[in-house]
N, C-alpha and C. Protein backbone atom coordinates (compact mmCIF):
# COMPACT_ATOMS: atom_id res chain seq x y z
N MET A 1 124.79 -92.59 32.80
CA MET A 1 126.15 -92.19 32.51
C MET A 1 126.32 -90.69 32.83
N ARG A 2 127.23 -90.39 33.73
CA ARG A 2 127.44 -88.99 34.11
C ARG A 2 128.19 -88.25 33.01
N VAL A 3 127.66 -87.10 32.60
CA VAL A 3 128.29 -86.28 31.58
C VAL A 3 129.16 -85.21 32.22
N THR A 4 128.61 -84.50 33.18
CA THR A 4 129.30 -83.46 33.93
C THR A 4 128.53 -83.26 35.22
N LYS A 5 128.94 -82.30 36.02
CA LYS A 5 128.27 -82.05 37.29
C LYS A 5 126.76 -81.91 37.10
N ASN A 6 126.00 -82.68 37.86
CA ASN A 6 124.53 -82.61 37.88
C ASN A 6 123.84 -83.25 36.66
N VAL A 7 124.60 -83.67 35.65
CA VAL A 7 123.99 -84.06 34.38
C VAL A 7 124.30 -85.52 34.03
N TYR A 8 123.23 -86.27 33.71
CA TYR A 8 123.37 -87.68 33.37
C TYR A 8 122.68 -87.96 32.03
N TRP A 9 123.29 -88.85 31.26
CA TRP A 9 122.80 -89.23 29.93
C TRP A 9 122.48 -90.71 29.92
N PHE A 10 121.26 -91.03 29.49
CA PHE A 10 120.84 -92.42 29.33
C PHE A 10 120.56 -92.61 27.84
N PRO A 11 121.50 -93.26 27.11
CA PRO A 11 121.39 -93.35 25.65
C PRO A 11 120.13 -94.08 25.20
N GLU A 12 119.67 -93.73 23.99
CA GLU A 12 118.49 -94.36 23.42
C GLU A 12 118.66 -95.88 23.44
N ARG A 13 117.54 -96.57 23.68
CA ARG A 13 117.60 -97.99 24.00
C ARG A 13 117.11 -98.92 22.90
N GLY A 14 116.64 -98.37 21.78
CA GLY A 14 116.16 -99.20 20.69
C GLY A 14 115.44 -98.38 19.65
N LEU A 15 114.73 -99.06 18.75
CA LEU A 15 114.04 -98.41 17.65
C LEU A 15 112.97 -97.46 18.17
N LEU A 16 112.91 -96.26 17.61
CA LEU A 16 111.96 -95.22 18.00
C LEU A 16 112.08 -94.85 19.48
N ASP A 17 113.31 -94.80 19.96
CA ASP A 17 113.58 -94.30 21.31
C ASP A 17 114.46 -93.06 21.17
N ALA A 18 114.77 -92.42 22.28
CA ALA A 18 115.57 -91.19 22.25
C ALA A 18 116.51 -91.17 23.45
N ASN A 19 117.54 -90.33 23.34
CA ASN A 19 118.39 -90.08 24.50
C ASN A 19 117.56 -89.39 25.59
N THR A 20 117.79 -89.82 26.82
CA THR A 20 117.13 -89.23 27.98
C THR A 20 118.19 -88.55 28.84
N TYR A 21 117.86 -87.38 29.37
CA TYR A 21 118.80 -86.65 30.22
C TYR A 21 118.17 -86.36 31.57
N LEU A 22 118.98 -86.49 32.61
CA LEU A 22 118.56 -86.18 33.97
C LEU A 22 119.47 -85.10 34.51
N ILE A 23 118.88 -84.05 35.05
CA ILE A 23 119.63 -82.96 35.67
C ILE A 23 119.23 -82.93 37.13
N ASP A 24 120.20 -83.15 38.00
CA ASP A 24 119.96 -83.35 39.42
C ASP A 24 120.36 -82.11 40.21
N ASP A 25 119.38 -81.51 40.89
CA ASP A 25 119.63 -80.34 41.73
C ASP A 25 118.60 -80.39 42.86
N GLU A 26 118.23 -79.25 43.42
CA GLU A 26 117.16 -79.26 44.42
C GLU A 26 115.88 -79.83 43.81
N LEU A 27 115.63 -79.48 42.56
CA LEU A 27 114.64 -80.17 41.74
C LEU A 27 115.38 -81.04 40.74
N THR A 28 114.93 -82.26 40.55
CA THR A 28 115.54 -83.16 39.58
C THR A 28 114.61 -83.30 38.38
N VAL A 29 115.15 -83.04 37.19
CA VAL A 29 114.36 -83.02 35.97
C VAL A 29 114.80 -84.14 35.04
N LEU A 30 113.82 -84.81 34.45
CA LEU A 30 114.07 -85.82 33.43
C LEU A 30 113.54 -85.28 32.10
N ILE A 31 114.41 -85.22 31.10
CA ILE A 31 114.05 -84.68 29.79
C ILE A 31 113.99 -85.81 28.77
N ASP A 32 112.86 -85.92 28.08
CA ASP A 32 112.63 -86.92 27.03
C ASP A 32 112.77 -88.35 27.54
N PRO A 33 111.74 -88.87 28.24
CA PRO A 33 111.82 -90.24 28.77
C PRO A 33 111.78 -91.32 27.71
N GLY A 34 111.50 -90.96 26.45
CA GLY A 34 111.59 -91.95 25.39
C GLY A 34 110.29 -92.68 25.13
N LEU A 35 110.40 -93.84 24.48
CA LEU A 35 109.24 -94.64 24.12
C LEU A 35 108.82 -95.52 25.30
N HIS A 36 107.50 -95.69 25.47
CA HIS A 36 106.98 -96.40 26.64
C HIS A 36 107.50 -97.82 26.77
N LYS A 37 107.78 -98.51 25.66
CA LYS A 37 108.19 -99.92 25.73
C LYS A 37 109.58 -100.09 26.34
N TYR A 38 110.34 -98.98 26.44
CA TYR A 38 111.70 -99.07 26.97
C TYR A 38 111.83 -98.53 28.39
N VAL A 39 110.73 -98.29 29.08
CA VAL A 39 110.80 -97.68 30.41
C VAL A 39 111.59 -98.54 31.38
N LYS A 40 111.41 -99.86 31.35
CA LYS A 40 112.14 -100.72 32.29
C LYS A 40 113.64 -100.59 32.09
N ARG A 41 114.06 -100.48 30.85
CA ARG A 41 115.49 -100.33 30.59
C ARG A 41 115.98 -98.96 31.02
N LEU A 42 115.15 -97.93 30.86
CA LEU A 42 115.52 -96.60 31.35
C LEU A 42 115.70 -96.62 32.86
N VAL A 43 114.78 -97.23 33.56
CA VAL A 43 114.88 -97.30 35.03
C VAL A 43 116.14 -98.05 35.43
N LYS A 44 116.46 -99.12 34.72
CA LYS A 44 117.68 -99.88 35.03
C LYS A 44 118.91 -99.00 34.84
N ASP A 45 118.94 -98.24 33.75
CA ASP A 45 120.07 -97.34 33.51
C ASP A 45 120.17 -96.28 34.60
N MET A 46 119.03 -95.73 35.01
CA MET A 46 119.03 -94.73 36.07
C MET A 46 119.57 -95.30 37.36
N ARG A 47 119.16 -96.50 37.70
CA ARG A 47 119.63 -97.14 38.94
C ARG A 47 121.13 -97.37 38.90
N GLY A 48 121.66 -97.59 37.70
CA GLY A 48 123.10 -97.74 37.57
C GLY A 48 123.87 -96.49 37.97
N ASP A 49 123.19 -95.34 37.90
CA ASP A 49 123.81 -94.08 38.33
C ASP A 49 123.27 -93.61 39.68
N GLY A 50 122.55 -94.48 40.36
CA GLY A 50 122.12 -94.17 41.72
C GLY A 50 120.80 -93.45 41.85
N PHE A 51 119.98 -93.47 40.80
CA PHE A 51 118.69 -92.77 40.84
C PHE A 51 117.53 -93.75 40.75
N GLU A 52 116.48 -93.45 41.49
CA GLU A 52 115.22 -94.16 41.40
C GLU A 52 114.19 -93.25 40.72
N PRO A 53 113.16 -93.81 40.12
CA PRO A 53 112.12 -92.95 39.53
C PRO A 53 111.57 -91.92 40.51
N ARG A 54 111.42 -92.29 41.77
CA ARG A 54 110.86 -91.36 42.76
C ARG A 54 111.76 -90.16 43.03
N ASP A 55 113.02 -90.22 42.59
CA ASP A 55 113.93 -89.08 42.76
C ASP A 55 113.63 -87.96 41.77
N VAL A 56 112.87 -88.25 40.73
CA VAL A 56 112.56 -87.26 39.69
C VAL A 56 111.37 -86.41 40.13
N ASP A 57 111.53 -85.10 40.05
CA ASP A 57 110.46 -84.17 40.42
C ASP A 57 109.65 -83.70 39.22
N VAL A 58 110.33 -83.52 38.07
CA VAL A 58 109.68 -82.97 36.88
C VAL A 58 110.07 -83.78 35.66
N ILE A 59 109.08 -84.12 34.84
CA ILE A 59 109.30 -84.75 33.54
C ILE A 59 108.95 -83.72 32.47
N THR A 60 109.85 -83.53 31.51
CA THR A 60 109.55 -82.60 30.43
C THR A 60 110.10 -83.15 29.12
N ILE A 61 109.79 -82.48 28.01
CA ILE A 61 110.13 -83.00 26.69
C ILE A 61 110.62 -81.88 25.78
N THR A 62 111.40 -82.28 24.77
CA THR A 62 111.85 -81.31 23.78
C THR A 62 110.81 -81.11 22.69
N HIS A 63 110.03 -82.16 22.36
CA HIS A 63 109.00 -82.03 21.34
C HIS A 63 108.09 -83.25 21.35
N LEU A 64 106.98 -83.12 20.63
CA LEU A 64 105.92 -84.13 20.68
C LEU A 64 106.05 -85.18 19.59
N HIS A 65 107.20 -85.83 19.53
CA HIS A 65 107.36 -87.01 18.70
C HIS A 65 107.42 -88.21 19.62
N ILE A 66 106.80 -89.30 19.20
CA ILE A 66 106.54 -90.45 20.07
C ILE A 66 107.81 -91.02 20.70
N ASP A 67 108.95 -90.94 19.99
CA ASP A 67 110.20 -91.48 20.53
C ASP A 67 110.74 -90.65 21.68
N HIS A 68 110.19 -89.45 21.88
CA HIS A 68 110.64 -88.59 22.97
C HIS A 68 109.65 -88.53 24.13
N TYR A 69 108.36 -88.56 23.82
CA TYR A 69 107.37 -88.36 24.89
C TYR A 69 106.52 -89.59 25.20
N GLY A 70 106.73 -90.69 24.47
CA GLY A 70 105.86 -91.85 24.64
C GLY A 70 105.77 -92.40 26.04
N ALA A 71 106.84 -92.24 26.83
CA ALA A 71 106.88 -92.81 28.18
C ALA A 71 106.48 -91.82 29.27
N VAL A 72 106.03 -90.63 28.89
CA VAL A 72 105.75 -89.59 29.88
C VAL A 72 104.75 -90.08 30.94
N SER A 73 103.60 -90.59 30.50
CA SER A 73 102.57 -90.98 31.47
C SER A 73 102.99 -92.19 32.29
N VAL A 74 103.67 -93.15 31.65
CA VAL A 74 104.14 -94.34 32.38
C VAL A 74 105.15 -93.94 33.44
N PHE A 75 106.07 -93.05 33.08
CA PHE A 75 107.09 -92.65 34.05
C PHE A 75 106.48 -91.83 35.18
N LYS A 76 105.45 -91.07 34.88
CA LYS A 76 104.77 -90.34 35.95
C LYS A 76 104.16 -91.31 36.96
N GLU A 77 103.58 -92.39 36.49
CA GLU A 77 102.99 -93.40 37.39
C GLU A 77 104.06 -94.01 38.28
N LEU A 78 105.24 -94.23 37.73
CA LEU A 78 106.33 -94.83 38.51
C LEU A 78 106.93 -93.87 39.53
N SER A 79 106.98 -92.59 39.16
CA SER A 79 107.76 -91.62 39.94
C SER A 79 106.93 -90.67 40.78
N GLY A 80 105.71 -90.39 40.35
CA GLY A 80 104.92 -89.34 40.99
C GLY A 80 105.36 -87.95 40.60
N ALA A 81 106.26 -87.85 39.60
CA ALA A 81 106.76 -86.54 39.16
C ALA A 81 105.68 -85.76 38.42
N LYS A 82 105.86 -84.45 38.35
CA LYS A 82 104.94 -83.60 37.61
C LYS A 82 105.40 -83.50 36.15
N ILE A 83 104.44 -83.42 35.25
CA ILE A 83 104.72 -83.27 33.83
C ILE A 83 104.64 -81.79 33.46
N ALA A 84 105.68 -81.30 32.80
CA ALA A 84 105.72 -79.90 32.37
C ALA A 84 105.95 -79.85 30.87
N ILE A 85 105.10 -79.10 30.17
CA ILE A 85 105.31 -78.88 28.75
C ILE A 85 105.22 -77.39 28.46
N HIS A 86 105.72 -77.00 27.30
CA HIS A 86 105.66 -75.61 26.89
C HIS A 86 104.27 -75.30 26.32
N PRO A 87 103.79 -74.07 26.47
CA PRO A 87 102.49 -73.72 25.89
C PRO A 87 102.39 -74.02 24.39
N ILE A 88 103.50 -73.88 23.65
CA ILE A 88 103.46 -74.18 22.22
C ILE A 88 103.23 -75.67 22.01
N GLN A 89 103.72 -76.51 22.92
CA GLN A 89 103.47 -77.94 22.81
C GLN A 89 102.01 -78.27 23.10
N LYS A 90 101.43 -77.57 24.04
CA LYS A 90 100.00 -77.73 24.30
C LYS A 90 99.21 -77.40 23.04
N GLN A 91 99.60 -76.36 22.36
CA GLN A 91 98.92 -75.93 21.14
C GLN A 91 98.99 -76.99 20.05
N TYR A 92 100.13 -77.68 19.98
CA TYR A 92 100.34 -78.65 18.90
C TYR A 92 100.07 -80.10 19.31
N LEU A 93 99.43 -80.31 20.43
CA LEU A 93 99.13 -81.69 20.84
C LEU A 93 98.39 -82.49 19.76
N PRO A 94 97.43 -81.90 19.03
CA PRO A 94 96.76 -82.69 17.97
C PRO A 94 97.72 -83.20 16.90
N LEU A 95 98.81 -82.47 16.66
CA LEU A 95 99.78 -82.89 15.66
C LEU A 95 100.53 -84.14 16.09
N ALA A 96 100.63 -84.36 17.40
CA ALA A 96 101.34 -85.53 17.91
C ALA A 96 100.70 -86.81 17.38
N GLY A 97 99.38 -86.82 17.28
CA GLY A 97 98.68 -87.99 16.77
C GLY A 97 99.04 -88.28 15.32
N GLU A 98 99.20 -87.23 14.52
CA GLU A 98 99.57 -87.41 13.12
C GLU A 98 100.95 -88.07 13.00
N VAL A 99 101.88 -87.61 13.82
CA VAL A 99 103.23 -88.16 13.75
C VAL A 99 103.24 -89.61 14.24
N SER A 100 102.52 -89.90 15.33
CA SER A 100 102.46 -91.27 15.83
C SER A 100 101.86 -92.20 14.79
N SER A 101 100.82 -91.75 14.10
CA SER A 101 100.19 -92.55 13.06
C SER A 101 101.16 -92.82 11.91
N PHE A 102 102.02 -91.84 11.62
CA PHE A 102 103.04 -91.99 10.58
C PHE A 102 103.91 -93.21 10.87
N PHE A 103 104.18 -93.44 12.16
CA PHE A 103 105.01 -94.57 12.55
C PHE A 103 104.19 -95.81 12.95
N GLY A 104 102.86 -95.72 12.79
CA GLY A 104 102.01 -96.86 13.09
C GLY A 104 101.87 -97.16 14.56
N ILE A 105 101.98 -96.13 15.41
CA ILE A 105 101.90 -96.30 16.86
C ILE A 105 100.74 -95.48 17.39
N LYS A 106 99.98 -96.06 18.29
CA LYS A 106 98.88 -95.34 18.92
C LYS A 106 99.43 -94.23 19.81
N THR A 107 98.80 -93.08 19.75
CA THR A 107 99.26 -91.93 20.53
C THR A 107 98.96 -92.11 22.01
N PRO A 108 99.99 -92.14 22.86
CA PRO A 108 99.73 -92.21 24.31
C PRO A 108 99.24 -90.87 24.84
N LYS A 109 98.29 -90.92 25.73
CA LYS A 109 97.73 -89.68 26.27
C LYS A 109 98.39 -89.33 27.59
N PHE A 110 98.48 -88.03 27.86
CA PHE A 110 98.99 -87.56 29.14
C PHE A 110 98.37 -86.21 29.43
N SER A 111 98.39 -85.81 30.68
CA SER A 111 97.92 -84.49 31.09
C SER A 111 99.05 -83.78 31.81
N GLU A 112 99.36 -82.58 31.36
CA GLU A 112 100.44 -81.84 32.00
C GLU A 112 99.99 -81.26 33.33
N ASP A 113 100.94 -81.07 34.22
CA ASP A 113 100.67 -80.46 35.53
C ASP A 113 100.92 -78.96 35.53
N PHE A 114 101.85 -78.52 34.71
CA PHE A 114 102.08 -77.07 34.58
C PHE A 114 102.80 -76.80 33.26
N HIS A 115 102.82 -75.52 32.89
CA HIS A 115 103.47 -75.10 31.65
C HIS A 115 104.80 -74.42 31.95
N LEU A 116 105.76 -74.65 31.10
CA LEU A 116 107.06 -74.02 31.22
C LEU A 116 106.97 -72.57 30.79
N GLY A 117 107.78 -71.74 31.45
CA GLY A 117 107.91 -70.34 31.05
C GLY A 117 109.21 -70.14 30.29
N GLU A 118 109.83 -68.99 30.47
CA GLU A 118 111.09 -68.70 29.78
C GLU A 118 112.27 -69.43 30.40
N ARG A 119 112.13 -69.81 31.69
CA ARG A 119 113.21 -70.55 32.34
C ARG A 119 112.63 -71.37 33.47
N LEU A 120 113.39 -72.38 33.85
CA LEU A 120 113.00 -73.26 34.95
C LEU A 120 114.16 -73.31 35.94
N SER A 121 113.93 -72.88 37.16
CA SER A 121 114.96 -72.90 38.19
C SER A 121 114.92 -74.23 38.94
N LEU A 122 116.07 -74.89 38.99
CA LEU A 122 116.17 -76.17 39.69
C LEU A 122 116.84 -76.01 41.05
N GLY A 123 117.33 -74.83 41.34
CA GLY A 123 118.08 -74.57 42.56
C GLY A 123 119.30 -73.76 42.18
N SER A 124 120.46 -74.39 42.17
CA SER A 124 121.67 -73.70 41.71
C SER A 124 121.77 -73.68 40.19
N VAL A 125 120.97 -74.49 39.55
CA VAL A 125 120.98 -74.62 38.09
C VAL A 125 119.70 -74.02 37.51
N THR A 126 119.85 -73.24 36.43
CA THR A 126 118.72 -72.70 35.70
C THR A 126 118.69 -73.28 34.30
N LEU A 127 117.50 -73.61 33.82
CA LEU A 127 117.33 -74.05 32.44
C LEU A 127 116.57 -72.97 31.68
N ASP A 128 117.21 -72.37 30.70
CA ASP A 128 116.53 -71.44 29.80
C ASP A 128 115.79 -72.25 28.75
N ILE A 129 114.56 -71.85 28.45
CA ILE A 129 113.72 -72.56 27.49
C ILE A 129 113.77 -71.81 26.16
N ILE A 130 114.20 -72.47 25.09
CA ILE A 130 114.43 -71.82 23.81
C ILE A 130 113.52 -72.46 22.75
N ARG A 131 112.72 -71.66 22.10
CA ARG A 131 111.87 -72.17 21.02
C ARG A 131 112.73 -72.42 19.78
N THR A 132 112.61 -73.62 19.20
CA THR A 132 113.46 -74.00 18.08
C THR A 132 112.68 -74.81 17.04
N PRO A 133 111.74 -74.20 16.34
CA PRO A 133 110.97 -74.94 15.33
C PRO A 133 111.85 -75.35 14.15
N GLY A 134 111.34 -76.29 13.39
CA GLY A 134 112.04 -76.76 12.19
C GLY A 134 111.87 -78.25 12.03
N HIS A 135 112.43 -79.01 12.94
CA HIS A 135 112.18 -80.45 12.97
C HIS A 135 110.73 -80.70 13.34
N SER A 136 110.25 -79.91 14.28
CA SER A 136 108.87 -79.97 14.74
C SER A 136 108.46 -78.56 15.14
N PRO A 137 107.23 -78.14 14.87
CA PRO A 137 106.85 -76.76 15.18
C PRO A 137 106.79 -76.46 16.67
N ASP A 138 106.72 -77.51 17.51
CA ASP A 138 106.63 -77.33 18.96
C ASP A 138 107.97 -77.55 19.66
N SER A 139 109.03 -77.67 18.89
CA SER A 139 110.33 -78.01 19.47
C SER A 139 110.88 -76.92 20.38
N ILE A 140 111.40 -77.35 21.52
CA ILE A 140 112.12 -76.45 22.43
C ILE A 140 113.45 -77.09 22.81
N CYS A 141 114.41 -76.28 23.21
CA CYS A 141 115.68 -76.75 23.73
C CYS A 141 115.89 -76.17 25.12
N PHE A 142 116.78 -76.79 25.87
CA PHE A 142 117.07 -76.38 27.24
C PHE A 142 118.55 -76.02 27.34
N TYR A 143 118.83 -74.82 27.84
CA TYR A 143 120.22 -74.38 28.00
C TYR A 143 120.47 -73.94 29.43
N SER A 144 121.55 -74.45 30.02
CA SER A 144 121.94 -74.03 31.36
C SER A 144 123.20 -73.18 31.28
N PRO A 145 123.12 -71.87 31.60
CA PRO A 145 124.32 -71.03 31.57
C PRO A 145 125.33 -71.42 32.64
N GLU A 146 124.86 -72.01 33.74
CA GLU A 146 125.78 -72.42 34.81
C GLU A 146 126.60 -73.66 34.40
N LEU A 147 125.94 -74.62 33.77
CA LEU A 147 126.60 -75.87 33.40
C LEU A 147 127.10 -75.86 31.96
N LYS A 148 126.67 -74.87 31.18
CA LYS A 148 127.03 -74.76 29.76
C LYS A 148 126.62 -76.02 28.99
N ILE A 149 125.42 -76.51 29.30
CA ILE A 149 124.87 -77.65 28.58
C ILE A 149 123.72 -77.17 27.70
N LEU A 150 123.58 -77.80 26.54
CA LEU A 150 122.47 -77.51 25.64
C LEU A 150 121.80 -78.82 25.27
N VAL A 151 120.57 -79.02 25.74
CA VAL A 151 119.78 -80.19 25.36
C VAL A 151 119.04 -79.81 24.08
N SER A 152 119.47 -80.38 22.96
CA SER A 152 119.05 -79.85 21.65
C SER A 152 117.94 -80.65 20.98
N GLY A 153 117.42 -81.68 21.64
CA GLY A 153 116.36 -82.45 21.03
C GLY A 153 116.78 -82.96 19.66
N ASP A 154 115.89 -82.81 18.67
CA ASP A 154 116.21 -83.27 17.31
C ASP A 154 116.51 -82.12 16.37
N VAL A 155 116.98 -81.01 16.93
CA VAL A 155 117.36 -79.87 16.10
C VAL A 155 118.71 -80.15 15.45
N ILE A 156 119.70 -80.50 16.28
CA ILE A 156 121.05 -80.77 15.78
C ILE A 156 121.63 -81.94 16.56
N PHE A 157 122.36 -82.79 15.83
CA PHE A 157 123.02 -83.95 16.41
C PHE A 157 124.53 -83.83 16.21
N ASP A 158 125.22 -84.89 16.54
CA ASP A 158 126.65 -85.00 16.24
C ASP A 158 126.80 -85.19 14.73
N ARG A 159 127.18 -84.11 14.03
CA ARG A 159 127.38 -84.09 12.59
C ARG A 159 126.13 -84.45 11.79
N SER A 160 124.98 -84.06 12.30
CA SER A 160 123.74 -84.28 11.58
C SER A 160 122.66 -83.36 12.12
N VAL A 161 121.48 -83.41 11.48
CA VAL A 161 120.35 -82.55 11.87
C VAL A 161 119.07 -83.37 11.87
N GLY A 162 118.03 -82.83 12.49
CA GLY A 162 116.74 -83.48 12.51
C GLY A 162 116.06 -83.44 11.15
N ARG A 163 115.25 -84.44 10.87
CA ARG A 163 114.52 -84.49 9.61
C ARG A 163 113.43 -83.43 9.59
N THR A 164 113.02 -83.04 8.39
CA THR A 164 112.00 -81.99 8.26
C THR A 164 110.79 -82.46 7.46
N ASP A 165 110.68 -83.78 7.19
CA ASP A 165 109.61 -84.29 6.35
C ASP A 165 108.40 -84.79 7.13
N LEU A 166 108.43 -84.66 8.46
CA LEU A 166 107.26 -85.03 9.26
C LEU A 166 106.31 -83.83 9.35
N PRO A 167 105.05 -84.05 9.74
CA PRO A 167 104.08 -82.95 9.79
C PRO A 167 104.60 -81.76 10.59
N GLY A 168 104.55 -80.57 9.98
CA GLY A 168 104.99 -79.35 10.65
C GLY A 168 106.46 -79.03 10.49
N GLY A 169 107.21 -79.89 9.79
CA GLY A 169 108.63 -79.65 9.61
C GLY A 169 108.92 -78.54 8.62
N SER A 170 110.07 -77.88 8.79
CA SER A 170 110.46 -76.78 7.90
C SER A 170 111.98 -76.65 7.88
N GLY A 171 112.56 -76.79 6.70
CA GLY A 171 114.00 -76.65 6.58
C GLY A 171 114.49 -75.26 6.92
N GLU A 172 113.77 -74.23 6.46
CA GLU A 172 114.19 -72.85 6.74
C GLU A 172 114.14 -72.55 8.24
N GLU A 173 113.09 -73.01 8.89
CA GLU A 173 113.00 -72.79 10.34
C GLU A 173 114.08 -73.57 11.08
N LEU A 174 114.40 -74.76 10.59
CA LEU A 174 115.45 -75.55 11.25
C LEU A 174 116.80 -74.85 11.15
N LYS A 175 117.11 -74.31 9.99
CA LYS A 175 118.37 -73.57 9.84
C LYS A 175 118.42 -72.37 10.79
N ALA A 176 117.31 -71.65 10.89
CA ALA A 176 117.27 -70.50 11.80
C ALA A 176 117.46 -70.94 13.25
N SER A 177 116.87 -72.06 13.62
CA SER A 177 117.01 -72.56 14.99
C SER A 177 118.43 -72.99 15.27
N ILE A 178 119.06 -73.65 14.31
CA ILE A 178 120.46 -74.07 14.48
C ILE A 178 121.36 -72.85 14.64
N ASN A 179 121.13 -71.83 13.81
CA ASN A 179 121.93 -70.61 13.93
C ASN A 179 121.73 -69.95 15.30
N LYS A 180 120.52 -69.97 15.80
CA LYS A 180 120.24 -69.41 17.13
C LYS A 180 121.02 -70.17 18.21
N LEU A 181 120.96 -71.50 18.16
CA LEU A 181 121.63 -72.31 19.18
C LEU A 181 123.15 -72.15 19.13
N SER A 182 123.68 -71.87 17.95
CA SER A 182 125.14 -71.75 17.81
C SER A 182 125.70 -70.55 18.55
N THR A 183 124.84 -69.61 18.96
CA THR A 183 125.31 -68.40 19.66
C THR A 183 125.51 -68.63 21.16
N PHE A 184 125.04 -69.76 21.67
CA PHE A 184 125.16 -70.02 23.10
C PHE A 184 126.56 -70.55 23.45
N ASP A 185 127.01 -70.23 24.64
CA ASP A 185 128.31 -70.69 25.13
C ASP A 185 128.14 -72.11 25.66
N THR A 186 128.36 -73.08 24.78
CA THR A 186 128.04 -74.48 25.09
C THR A 186 129.30 -75.33 25.14
N GLU A 187 129.42 -76.10 26.21
CA GLU A 187 130.52 -77.05 26.33
C GLU A 187 130.06 -78.50 26.20
N TYR A 188 128.75 -78.71 26.34
CA TYR A 188 128.19 -80.06 26.20
C TYR A 188 126.91 -79.96 25.37
N LEU A 189 126.96 -80.50 24.16
CA LEU A 189 125.78 -80.56 23.30
C LEU A 189 125.12 -81.93 23.51
N LEU A 190 123.88 -81.91 24.01
CA LEU A 190 123.18 -83.13 24.40
C LEU A 190 122.01 -83.34 23.45
N PRO A 191 122.21 -84.08 22.35
CA PRO A 191 121.17 -84.23 21.34
C PRO A 191 120.18 -85.35 21.66
N GLY A 192 119.08 -85.36 20.91
CA GLY A 192 118.05 -86.36 21.13
C GLY A 192 118.42 -87.74 20.64
N HIS A 193 119.39 -87.83 19.75
CA HIS A 193 119.85 -89.12 19.22
C HIS A 193 121.36 -89.06 19.01
N MET A 194 121.95 -90.21 18.90
CA MET A 194 123.39 -90.35 18.68
C MET A 194 124.17 -89.86 19.90
N SER A 195 125.41 -89.44 19.69
CA SER A 195 126.33 -89.20 20.80
C SER A 195 126.30 -87.76 21.29
N VAL A 196 126.71 -87.60 22.55
CA VAL A 196 126.94 -86.28 23.14
C VAL A 196 128.21 -85.69 22.51
N VAL A 197 128.20 -84.37 22.29
CA VAL A 197 129.39 -83.67 21.80
C VAL A 197 129.98 -82.90 22.97
N GLU A 198 131.20 -83.23 23.36
CA GLU A 198 131.83 -82.63 24.54
C GLU A 198 132.97 -81.71 24.13
N GLY A 199 133.08 -80.58 24.82
CA GLY A 199 134.15 -79.63 24.59
C GLY A 199 133.71 -78.47 23.72
N LYS A 200 134.01 -77.26 24.14
CA LYS A 200 133.54 -76.06 23.43
C LYS A 200 133.98 -76.05 21.97
N ARG A 201 135.24 -76.36 21.71
CA ARG A 201 135.74 -76.36 20.34
C ARG A 201 135.03 -77.41 19.49
N ASN A 202 134.78 -78.58 20.06
CA ASN A 202 134.07 -79.63 19.32
C ASN A 202 132.63 -79.22 19.02
N VAL A 203 132.00 -78.53 19.95
CA VAL A 203 130.63 -78.06 19.71
C VAL A 203 130.62 -77.02 18.59
N ILE A 204 131.55 -76.07 18.62
CA ILE A 204 131.64 -75.07 17.57
C ILE A 204 131.89 -75.73 16.21
N ASN A 205 132.82 -76.68 16.18
CA ASN A 205 133.12 -77.39 14.94
C ASN A 205 131.90 -78.14 14.42
N ASN A 206 131.09 -78.66 15.34
CA ASN A 206 129.90 -79.40 14.93
C ASN A 206 128.89 -78.47 14.24
N PHE A 207 128.70 -77.29 14.79
CA PHE A 207 127.80 -76.33 14.15
C PHE A 207 128.34 -75.94 12.77
N GLU A 208 129.65 -75.74 12.66
CA GLU A 208 130.23 -75.38 11.37
C GLU A 208 130.08 -76.51 10.36
N PHE A 209 130.26 -77.75 10.80
CA PHE A 209 130.11 -78.91 9.93
C PHE A 209 128.68 -79.00 9.39
N VAL A 210 127.72 -78.81 10.29
CA VAL A 210 126.31 -78.90 9.89
C VAL A 210 125.96 -77.81 8.88
N ARG A 211 126.43 -76.60 9.13
CA ARG A 211 126.16 -75.52 8.16
C ARG A 211 126.76 -75.86 6.79
N LYS A 212 127.95 -76.39 6.78
CA LYS A 212 128.65 -76.64 5.52
C LYS A 212 128.01 -77.77 4.72
N TYR A 213 127.60 -78.85 5.42
CA TYR A 213 127.17 -80.05 4.69
C TYR A 213 125.67 -80.29 4.66
N TYR A 214 124.89 -79.51 5.42
CA TYR A 214 123.45 -79.75 5.47
C TYR A 214 122.59 -78.57 5.04
N PHE A 215 123.10 -77.36 5.19
CA PHE A 215 122.22 -76.21 4.97
C PHE A 215 121.76 -76.07 3.52
N ASP A 216 122.55 -76.52 2.57
CA ASP A 216 122.18 -76.35 1.17
C ASP A 216 120.94 -77.15 0.79
N TRP A 217 120.72 -78.29 1.47
CA TRP A 217 119.56 -79.11 1.08
C TRP A 217 118.40 -79.01 2.05
N LEU A 218 118.54 -78.23 3.12
CA LEU A 218 117.41 -78.07 4.04
C LEU A 218 116.35 -77.15 3.43
């Protein structure tokens, strides 16, 4: 499903899955391929928008929870794309096993091809890499100043926030991360679950709603 220029959204496909985003430029990036059991459905959704797995150059993730990264190695086999993770995610790889065990799922293994820096250039589009701990200590978000999109992972959703009761979670850090993200000029908020929030005013209102109704108990 096309969201805006260069940006496609493939909604979560079932239990313990996540929204997947594709950004198409000189380099094509797939963010959060989801759980491995849903890869066939992801590929079907991609084909509906004219993309094949081989069109993807880079696979990356917002954080190391199984519903976001479980399909990384399977999708690499299908596409030949390179896997990129943040150095903080490399540091917290052992924690991924704890979270997977929490959900009763065996941790899928993968090897990254390179580490993300402060930004990733796709051609005409740049993705700024933002550290956003709270839901997970290794959480990162992706912001494009050209497209005004914010891929927020499980930090903030449409009128909701990520849980903080999994290993490494922190309510205070999550609030700080949400406040940080609210300063960006965003017209499309692309969360890890639920719906996309479109329109600058709607994005601002969403941050205000979350502060009002969630910050007291985080």
